[in-house]
Amino acid sequence: MRRISLLAALACAFLFACVAAPHDASAAISDVRLKDLGRFLGWRDNMLVGYGLVTGLAGSGDSPRSQATRQALANMMSQFDMAITQDQIQSRNVALAMVTATMPPTADKGDKIDINVTSMGDARSLAGGTLIMTSLRGPDRKTYALAQGPLSVGGYRYDANGNTKQKNHPTAGIVPLGATVEIPLRAELLADDGYLHFVLMDADASTARRIEQRINQSLGFDTARSLDAKTVQIRAPQNARSMNDYVARIEELAVQPDQSSRVVISERTGTVVSGGDTRISPITISHGDIRVSISTEYTASQPGLVSFTGPGVRSMVIGNTDLTVEEPGPAVAASFPDGTVGDLVRALSKSRVSTRDIISILQAVKTAGALHADLIIQ
């Protein structure tokens, strides 16, 4: 009777959620600027990479077994007219590191950018180290920036006599504004066909069509044309000097993006995220579980005579395991009318159904064909 009352209350809660929270898809989605929906083709970040040496470590650097670190240190010292062979280097205060950075679409000579530094060898920690001047190259192998500076690690590792204490990842750190741009960059927005191309972050034919209509409404007929679900072709201005104003005007235009129904589930964290208007068909749900408990009791078996000693005579520890399975009573089904995923989740939550069980129910609803959305499991 208790389970019947619970599921009856759950169905009532679902009905109340459907009535108390009516959904209007047009009111739920507001206009969004084009700047937040995509980007112009050619406006992109640029990856830089290099490798260098981190010095000043308190004995936590690469071991003498790291041939690459010894060779890199010997090469660096040779630039200062010091002839040192690899066999003469035994210090653990140096570590070989990979240095990465991201240049913005436009950068002038002398601009500062952040860099990431990660250990490449067997160093235990980079805390307290300083990166020596490192060249950062692009895919074309040109040096676009120079990096140098003290590392900010945000962790530590200490060990003594086999005991180790570590926090976070001390073999990776950053140098805020640690790189200086040497070669300026300018984003090329005009394509080879002489047009601007606006690229959506999430491909959607309806949204691309709305962007085309909005641009033509603001800038004139036949200014824009949607090539596919991801790209909108825009006629470039006749005066190249007004390109920035032209692009800024387009970015400030707002449209109502079309939403595709999705339900995202993270089984690791028990998180369920869905659109507010993700619909489900009328369904009947029956959900139960089996509880299994295992307990083990250990007892010691002693020899019959305490004074009796001899080979093979010793105490024995015996473990007795008790396995208990609890199965609930007859499953009771509850029917739910047409509604949304949000209504169903609210009803389940009010009935104190756990998040793990809600995830299992949503997966079963999708398999049954009643969930009209893409189910994404992470």
Protein backbone atom coordinates (compact mmCIF):
# COMPACT_ATOMS: atom_id res chain seq x y z
CA MET A 1 0.00 0.00 0.00
CA ARG A 2 2.87 2.34 0.75
CA ARG A 3 4.40 1.90 -2.72
CA ILE A 4 0.98 2.42 -4.32
CA SER A 5 0.52 5.67 -2.40
CA LEU A 6 4.01 6.85 -3.34
CA LEU A 7 3.53 6.29 -7.06
CA ALA A 8 0.07 7.83 -6.90
CA ALA A 9 1.58 10.92 -5.28
CA LEU A 10 4.29 10.93 -7.97
CA ALA A 11 1.67 10.92 -10.72
CA CYS A 12 -0.19 13.76 -8.99
CA ALA A 13 3.03 15.74 -8.71
CA PHE A 14 3.65 15.23 -12.43
CA LEU A 15 0.16 16.49 -13.28
CA PHE A 16 0.63 19.52 -11.01
CA ALA A 17 3.97 20.32 -12.69
CA CYS A 18 2.40 20.17 -16.13
CA VAL A 19 -0.45 22.51 -15.10
CA ALA A 20 1.55 24.92 -12.94
CA ALA A 21 4.43 25.31 -15.41
CA PRO A 22 3.03 25.78 -18.93
CA HIS A 23 5.65 25.94 -21.62
CA ASP A 24 5.81 28.42 -24.44
CA ALA A 25 8.72 27.64 -26.76
CA SER A 26 8.61 31.08 -28.34
CA ALA A 27 8.76 32.83 -24.95
CA ALA A 28 11.45 30.57 -23.55
CA ILE A 29 14.00 31.40 -26.26
CA SER A 30 15.10 35.02 -26.47
CA ASP A 31 17.03 36.73 -29.24
CA VAL A 32 20.78 36.12 -29.24
CA ARG A 33 23.48 38.25 -30.86
CA LEU A 34 25.29 36.78 -33.84
CA LYS A 35 28.54 37.30 -31.94
CA ASP A 36 27.37 34.63 -29.47
CA LEU A 37 26.18 32.20 -32.13
CA GLY A 38 29.33 31.88 -34.24
CA ARG A 39 32.34 33.61 -35.75
CA PHE A 40 33.63 34.95 -39.03
CA LEU A 41 35.76 32.54 -41.01
CA GLY A 42 39.39 33.55 -40.54
CA TRP A 43 38.90 34.83 -37.00
CA ARG A 44 40.74 32.11 -35.10
CA ASP A 45 43.33 31.55 -32.41
CA ASN A 46 46.84 30.43 -33.31
CA MET A 47 48.66 27.65 -31.48
CA LEU A 48 52.33 28.08 -30.51
CA VAL A 49 54.68 25.49 -29.06
CA GLY A 50 58.28 25.19 -27.94
CA TYR A 51 60.48 23.51 -25.36
CA GLY A 52 62.88 24.94 -22.84
CA LEU A 53 64.59 24.50 -19.50
CA VAL A 54 63.19 25.25 -16.06
CA THR A 55 65.94 26.05 -13.55
CA GLY A 56 66.07 26.83 -9.85
CA LEU A 57 64.34 23.64 -8.67
CA ALA A 58 65.15 22.38 -5.17
CA GLY A 59 66.39 18.94 -6.19
CA SER A 60 63.03 18.03 -7.78
CA GLY A 61 64.11 18.29 -11.41
CA ASP A 62 64.99 15.64 -13.97
CA SER A 63 67.33 12.85 -12.88
CA PRO A 64 70.73 12.29 -14.57
CA ARG A 65 69.08 9.45 -16.51
CA SER A 66 67.28 12.05 -18.67
CA GLN A 67 69.61 12.34 -21.66
CA ALA A 68 67.48 15.02 -23.34
CA THR A 69 67.73 17.35 -20.34
CA ARG A 70 71.50 16.95 -20.10
CA GLN A 71 71.91 17.59 -23.82
CA ALA A 72 69.66 20.68 -23.73
CA LEU A 73 71.57 22.10 -20.74
CA ALA A 74 74.92 21.48 -22.44
CA ASN A 75 73.66 23.19 -25.62
CA MET A 76 72.46 26.21 -23.65
CA MET A 77 75.74 26.57 -21.79
CA SER A 78 77.69 26.38 -25.06
CA GLN A 79 75.95 29.61 -26.13
CA PHE A 80 77.76 31.32 -23.25
CA ASP A 81 81.16 29.97 -24.31
CA MET A 82 81.16 27.19 -21.71
CA ALA A 83 82.31 23.79 -22.97
CA ILE A 84 80.48 21.26 -20.77
CA THR A 85 79.84 17.66 -21.75
CA GLN A 86 76.71 15.75 -20.84
CA ASP A 87 78.67 13.48 -18.49
CA GLN A 88 79.61 16.50 -16.35
CA ILE A 89 75.98 17.39 -15.65
CA GLN A 90 74.54 15.71 -12.57
CA SER A 91 72.24 18.42 -11.21
CA ARG A 92 68.61 17.76 -10.32
CA ASN A 93 67.78 21.47 -10.21
CA VAL A 94 66.91 21.58 -13.93
CA ALA A 95 63.94 20.13 -15.83
CA LEU A 96 63.09 19.92 -19.52
CA ALA A 97 59.62 21.35 -20.19
CA MET A 98 57.16 21.79 -23.03
CA VAL A 99 55.86 25.33 -23.44
CA THR A 100 52.55 26.11 -25.18
CA ALA A 101 50.66 29.33 -25.82
CA THR A 102 47.70 30.67 -27.78
CA MET A 103 47.94 33.84 -29.84
CA PRO A 104 44.74 35.81 -30.41
CA PRO A 105 43.52 36.47 -33.99
CA THR A 106 45.16 39.90 -33.90
CA ALA A 107 48.41 40.57 -32.05
CA ASP A 108 50.95 43.38 -32.26
CA LYS A 109 54.65 43.19 -31.64
CA GLY A 110 55.31 43.50 -27.92
CA ASP A 111 51.94 42.17 -26.75
CA LYS A 112 52.01 39.81 -23.78
CA ILE A 113 50.30 36.38 -23.72
CA ASP A 114 50.02 33.64 -21.11
CA ILE A 115 52.00 30.42 -21.42
CA ASN A 116 51.61 26.89 -20.06
CA VAL A 117 54.65 24.90 -18.93
CA THR A 118 54.58 21.11 -18.46
CA SER A 119 57.37 18.71 -17.53
CA MET A 120 58.71 16.38 -20.24
CA GLY A 121 61.08 14.30 -18.12
CA ASP A 122 60.95 12.62 -14.71
CA ALA A 123 60.93 15.79 -12.62
CA ARG A 124 58.94 15.49 -9.39
CA SER A 125 57.94 19.16 -9.17
CA LEU A 126 58.39 22.45 -11.02
CA ALA A 127 57.51 24.56 -7.96
CA GLY A 128 59.88 27.49 -7.51
CA GLY A 129 61.38 27.15 -10.99
CA THR A 130 62.03 29.78 -13.66
CA LEU A 131 61.63 29.19 -17.38
CA ILE A 132 64.68 30.24 -19.40
CA MET A 133 64.05 32.14 -22.65
CA THR A 134 62.23 29.81 -25.04
CA SER A 135 61.22 30.31 -28.67
CA LEU A 136 57.56 29.61 -29.45
CA ARG A 137 56.90 28.51 -33.01
CA GLY A 138 53.83 28.15 -35.18
CA PRO A 139 52.98 25.40 -37.68
CA ASP A 140 55.19 27.13 -40.24
CA ARG A 141 58.18 26.79 -37.85
CA LYS A 142 58.55 30.56 -37.51
CA THR A 143 59.23 32.05 -34.09
CA TYR A 144 56.23 34.22 -33.19
CA ALA A 145 56.93 34.80 -29.49
CA LEU A 146 59.62 34.49 -26.80
CA ALA A 147 58.73 33.07 -23.39
CA GLN A 148 60.49 33.48 -20.05
CA GLY A 149 59.63 33.97 -16.39
CA PRO A 150 58.94 32.37 -12.98
CA LEU A 151 56.36 29.58 -12.84
CA SER A 152 53.16 29.61 -10.85
CA VAL A 153 52.46 25.94 -10.11
CA GLY A 154 49.69 25.92 -7.51
CA GLY A 155 50.83 22.61 -6.01
CA TYR A 156 53.69 20.91 -4.25
CA ARG A 157 55.37 17.57 -3.66
CA TYR A 158 57.62 16.71 -0.74
CA ASP A 159 59.10 13.35 0.11
CA ALA A 160 61.48 12.01 2.73
CA ASN A 161 62.37 8.49 3.81
CA GLY A 162 59.79 6.95 1.52
CA ASN A 163 56.96 9.24 2.68
CA THR A 164 55.36 11.47 0.04
CA LYS A 165 52.96 14.39 0.32
CA GLN A 166 51.57 15.88 -2.90
CA LYS A 167 48.90 18.45 -3.75
CA ASN A 168 47.46 19.04 -7.23
CA HIS A 169 49.84 18.56 -10.19
CA PRO A 170 53.22 20.13 -9.41
CA THR A 171 54.67 19.13 -12.80
CA ALA A 172 52.53 21.68 -14.69
CA GLY A 173 52.35 25.43 -14.25
CA ILE A 174 51.69 28.75 -15.96
CA VAL A 175 53.52 32.03 -16.45
CA PRO A 176 50.96 34.85 -16.67
CA LEU A 177 51.90 37.21 -19.51
CA GLY A 178 55.11 35.22 -19.80
CA ALA A 179 55.54 35.48 -23.59
CA THR A 180 56.20 38.52 -25.78
CA VAL A 181 54.92 38.60 -29.36
CA GLU A 182 57.70 39.11 -31.92
CA ILE A 183 55.76 38.78 -35.21
CA PRO A 184 52.39 40.60 -35.45
CA LEU A 185 49.30 38.82 -36.74
CA ARG A 186 46.20 40.05 -38.53
CA ALA A 187 43.09 37.97 -39.13
CA GLU A 188 42.06 37.71 -42.79
CA LEU A 189 38.27 37.80 -42.88
CA LEU A 190 37.84 38.04 -46.65
CA ALA A 191 37.79 34.65 -48.35
CA ASP A 192 39.23 33.94 -51.79
CA ASP A 193 35.80 34.54 -53.35
CA GLY A 194 35.72 38.10 -51.92
CA TYR A 195 32.91 37.38 -49.43
CA LEU A 196 32.68 37.22 -45.66
CA HIS A 197 31.61 33.88 -44.23
CA PHE A 198 29.82 33.62 -40.89
CA VAL A 199 30.22 30.16 -39.35
CA LEU A 200 27.79 28.86 -36.70
CA MET A 201 29.13 27.09 -33.64
CA ASP A 202 26.22 24.62 -33.78
CA ALA A 203 25.13 23.77 -37.30
CA ASP A 204 21.40 24.33 -37.76
CA ALA A 205 19.63 25.04 -41.05
CA SER A 206 16.77 26.97 -39.40
CA THR A 207 19.14 29.25 -37.50
CA ALA A 208 21.23 29.88 -40.62
CA ARG A 209 18.09 30.82 -42.52
CA ARG A 210 17.04 33.26 -39.78
CA ILE A 211 20.49 34.87 -39.81
CA GLU A 212 20.27 35.32 -43.58
CA GLN A 213 16.87 37.00 -43.26
CA ARG A 214 17.99 39.24 -40.40
CA ILE A 215 21.11 40.47 -42.25
CA ASN A 216 19.15 41.14 -45.43
CA GLN A 217 16.56 43.03 -43.42
CA SER A 218 19.21 45.25 -41.82
CA LEU A 219 21.81 45.67 -44.60
CA GLY A 220 19.76 45.29 -47.73
CA PHE A 221 18.29 42.63 -49.94
CA ASP A 222 20.65 39.90 -51.24
CA THR A 223 23.44 40.88 -48.83
CA ALA A 224 23.55 37.44 -47.20
CA ARG A 225 22.87 33.92 -48.34
CA SER A 226 22.95 30.70 -46.30
CA LEU A 227 25.17 28.20 -48.07
CA ASP A 228 24.42 25.31 -45.72
CA ALA A 229 23.41 24.61 -42.12
CA LYS A 230 26.68 26.04 -40.81
CA THR A 231 27.79 28.85 -43.15
CA VAL A 232 26.21 32.17 -44.15
CA GLN A 233 27.86 34.05 -47.03
CA ILE A 234 27.86 37.86 -46.65
CA ARG A 235 28.78 40.44 -49.29
CA ALA A 236 31.82 42.46 -48.19
CA PRO A 237 31.69 46.29 -48.01
CA GLN A 238 32.93 48.26 -51.00
CA ASN A 239 35.24 50.35 -48.82
CA ALA A 240 37.81 48.18 -47.07
CA ARG A 241 38.38 50.88 -44.44
CA SER A 242 34.86 50.37 -43.10
CA MET A 243 35.38 46.61 -42.61
CA ASN A 244 35.56 46.83 -38.81
CA ASP A 245 32.36 48.89 -38.57
CA TYR A 246 30.65 46.55 -41.02
CA VAL A 247 31.61 43.43 -39.04
CA ALA A 248 30.67 45.06 -35.71
CA ARG A 249 27.24 45.96 -37.09
CA ILE A 250 26.63 42.39 -38.19
CA GLU A 251 27.76 40.95 -34.86
CA GLU A 252 25.30 43.14 -32.96
CA LEU A 253 22.33 41.80 -34.93
CA ALA A 254 20.17 39.40 -32.93
CA VAL A 255 18.09 36.42 -33.99
CA GLN A 256 16.16 33.70 -32.23
CA PRO A 257 18.20 30.48 -32.61
CA ASP A 258 16.39 27.25 -33.23
CA GLN A 259 16.98 24.69 -30.49
CA SER A 260 17.33 20.97 -31.00
CA SER A 261 15.97 18.89 -28.16
CA ARG A 262 18.76 17.27 -26.14
CA VAL A 263 19.03 15.59 -22.77
CA VAL A 264 22.59 15.37 -21.41
CA ILE A 265 23.30 12.83 -18.69
CA SER A 266 26.52 12.47 -16.72
CA GLU A 267 26.51 9.13 -14.92
CA ARG A 268 29.75 9.98 -13.11
CA THR A 269 28.30 13.01 -11.32
CA GLY A 270 24.59 12.20 -11.50
CA THR A 271 23.78 15.35 -13.51
CA VAL A 272 20.76 15.64 -15.83
CA VAL A 273 20.40 18.68 -18.12
CA SER A 274 17.61 19.10 -20.64
CA GLY A 275 15.94 21.84 -22.63
CA GLY A 276 12.87 23.39 -21.06
CA ASP A 277 10.57 22.22 -23.88
CA THR A 278 11.87 18.68 -24.42
CA ARG A 279 8.68 16.69 -24.86
CA ILE A 280 7.75 13.16 -23.83
CA SER A 281 4.76 11.14 -24.92
CA PRO A 282 2.29 9.54 -22.48
CA ILE A 283 4.12 6.74 -20.70
CA THR A 284 3.75 4.17 -17.95
CA ILE A 285 6.68 3.75 -15.56
CA SER A 286 7.37 0.88 -13.16
CA HIS A 287 10.66 1.18 -11.32
CA GLY A 288 12.02 -0.95 -8.50
CA ASP A 289 15.30 -2.21 -7.14
CA ILE A 290 16.92 -5.14 -5.38
CA ARG A 291 19.00 -4.52 -2.28
CA VAL A 292 21.94 -6.85 -1.67
CA SER A 293 23.89 -6.75 1.60
CA ILE A 294 26.99 -8.80 2.37
CA SER A 295 28.45 -9.08 5.87
CA THR A 296 31.53 -11.06 6.89
CA GLU A 297 32.35 -12.16 10.44
CA TYR A 298 35.89 -13.31 11.25
CA THR A 299 36.62 -15.77 14.08
CA ALA A 300 39.90 -17.30 15.27
CA SER A 301 40.24 -21.08 15.62
CA GLN A 302 42.74 -22.08 18.33
CA PRO A 303 44.41 -25.52 18.73
CA GLY A 304 42.69 -27.86 21.17
CA LEU A 305 45.61 -27.92 23.65
CA VAL A 306 47.30 -24.61 24.29
CA SER A 307 50.43 -26.28 25.59
CA PHE A 308 50.72 -28.50 22.51
CA THR A 309 53.31 -27.23 20.07
CA GLY A 310 54.72 -28.76 16.96
CA PRO A 311 55.25 -28.22 13.24
CA GLY A 312 52.16 -26.98 11.42
CA VAL A 313 50.25 -26.14 14.58
CA ARG A 314 49.00 -22.55 14.56
CA SER A 315 45.89 -20.39 14.94
CA MET A 316 43.57 -20.00 11.94
CA VAL A 317 41.28 -17.09 11.05
CA ILE A 318 37.96 -18.20 9.55
CA GLY A 319 35.59 -15.83 7.75
CA ASN A 320 31.86 -16.51 7.66
CA THR A 321 29.97 -14.57 4.97
CA ASP A 322 26.25 -13.81 5.15
CA LEU A 323 24.51 -12.76 1.91
CA THR A 324 21.07 -11.13 2.15
CA VAL A 325 18.89 -10.17 -0.82
CA GLU A 326 15.85 -7.92 -0.29
CA GLU A 327 13.40 -7.76 -3.17
CA PRO A 328 10.46 -5.32 -3.03
CA GLY A 329 6.89 -6.39 -3.39
CA PRO A 330 4.92 -6.49 -6.63
CA ALA A 331 5.85 -3.69 -9.01
CA VAL A 332 3.22 -0.98 -9.33
CA ALA A 333 2.90 1.00 -12.58
CA ALA A 334 2.15 4.71 -12.76
CA SER A 335 0.93 6.43 -15.94
CA PHE A 336 1.97 9.95 -16.88
CA PRO A 337 0.30 12.18 -19.48
CA ASP A 338 1.96 14.16 -22.23
CA GLY A 339 4.48 16.65 -20.79
CA THR A 340 8.11 17.66 -20.73
CA VAL A 341 11.27 16.15 -19.29
CA GLY A 342 11.40 18.99 -16.79
CA ASP A 343 7.92 18.12 -15.52
CA LEU A 344 8.87 14.46 -15.14
CA VAL A 345 12.15 15.22 -13.35
CA ARG A 346 10.42 17.65 -10.97
CA ALA A 347 7.77 15.06 -10.17
CA LEU A 348 10.38 12.37 -9.54
CA SER A 349 12.44 14.72 -7.37
CA LYS A 350 9.41 15.69 -5.26
CA SER A 351 8.78 11.98 -4.68
CA ARG A 352 12.38 11.64 -3.40
CA VAL A 353 13.58 9.50 -6.28
CA SER A 354 17.39 9.55 -6.42
CA THR A 355 19.24 11.12 -9.33
CA ARG A 356 20.71 7.74 -10.30
CA ASP A 357 17.20 6.30 -10.59
CA ILE A 358 16.06 9.32 -12.61
CA ILE A 359 18.90 8.68 -15.08
CA SER A 360 17.85 5.03 -15.42
CA ILE A 361 14.22 6.06 -15.97
CA LEU A 362 15.16 8.58 -18.68
CA GLN A 363 17.28 5.97 -20.47
CA ALA A 364 14.36 3.55 -20.41
CA VAL A 365 11.93 6.26 -21.64
CA LYS A 366 14.27 6.97 -24.58
CA THR A 367 14.50 3.27 -25.42
CA ALA A 368 10.71 3.06 -25.33
CA GLY A 369 10.50 5.85 -27.93
CA ALA A 370 8.62 8.27 -25.67
CA LEU A 371 11.49 10.77 -25.29
CA HIS A 372 11.60 13.03 -28.35
CA ALA A 373 15.16 14.30 -27.98
CA ASP A 374 18.76 13.24 -28.43
CA LEU A 375 20.00 11.45 -25.31
CA ILE A 376 23.69 12.23 -24.74
CA ILE A 377 25.45 10.16 -22.07
CA GLN A 378 28.83 11.37 -20.85
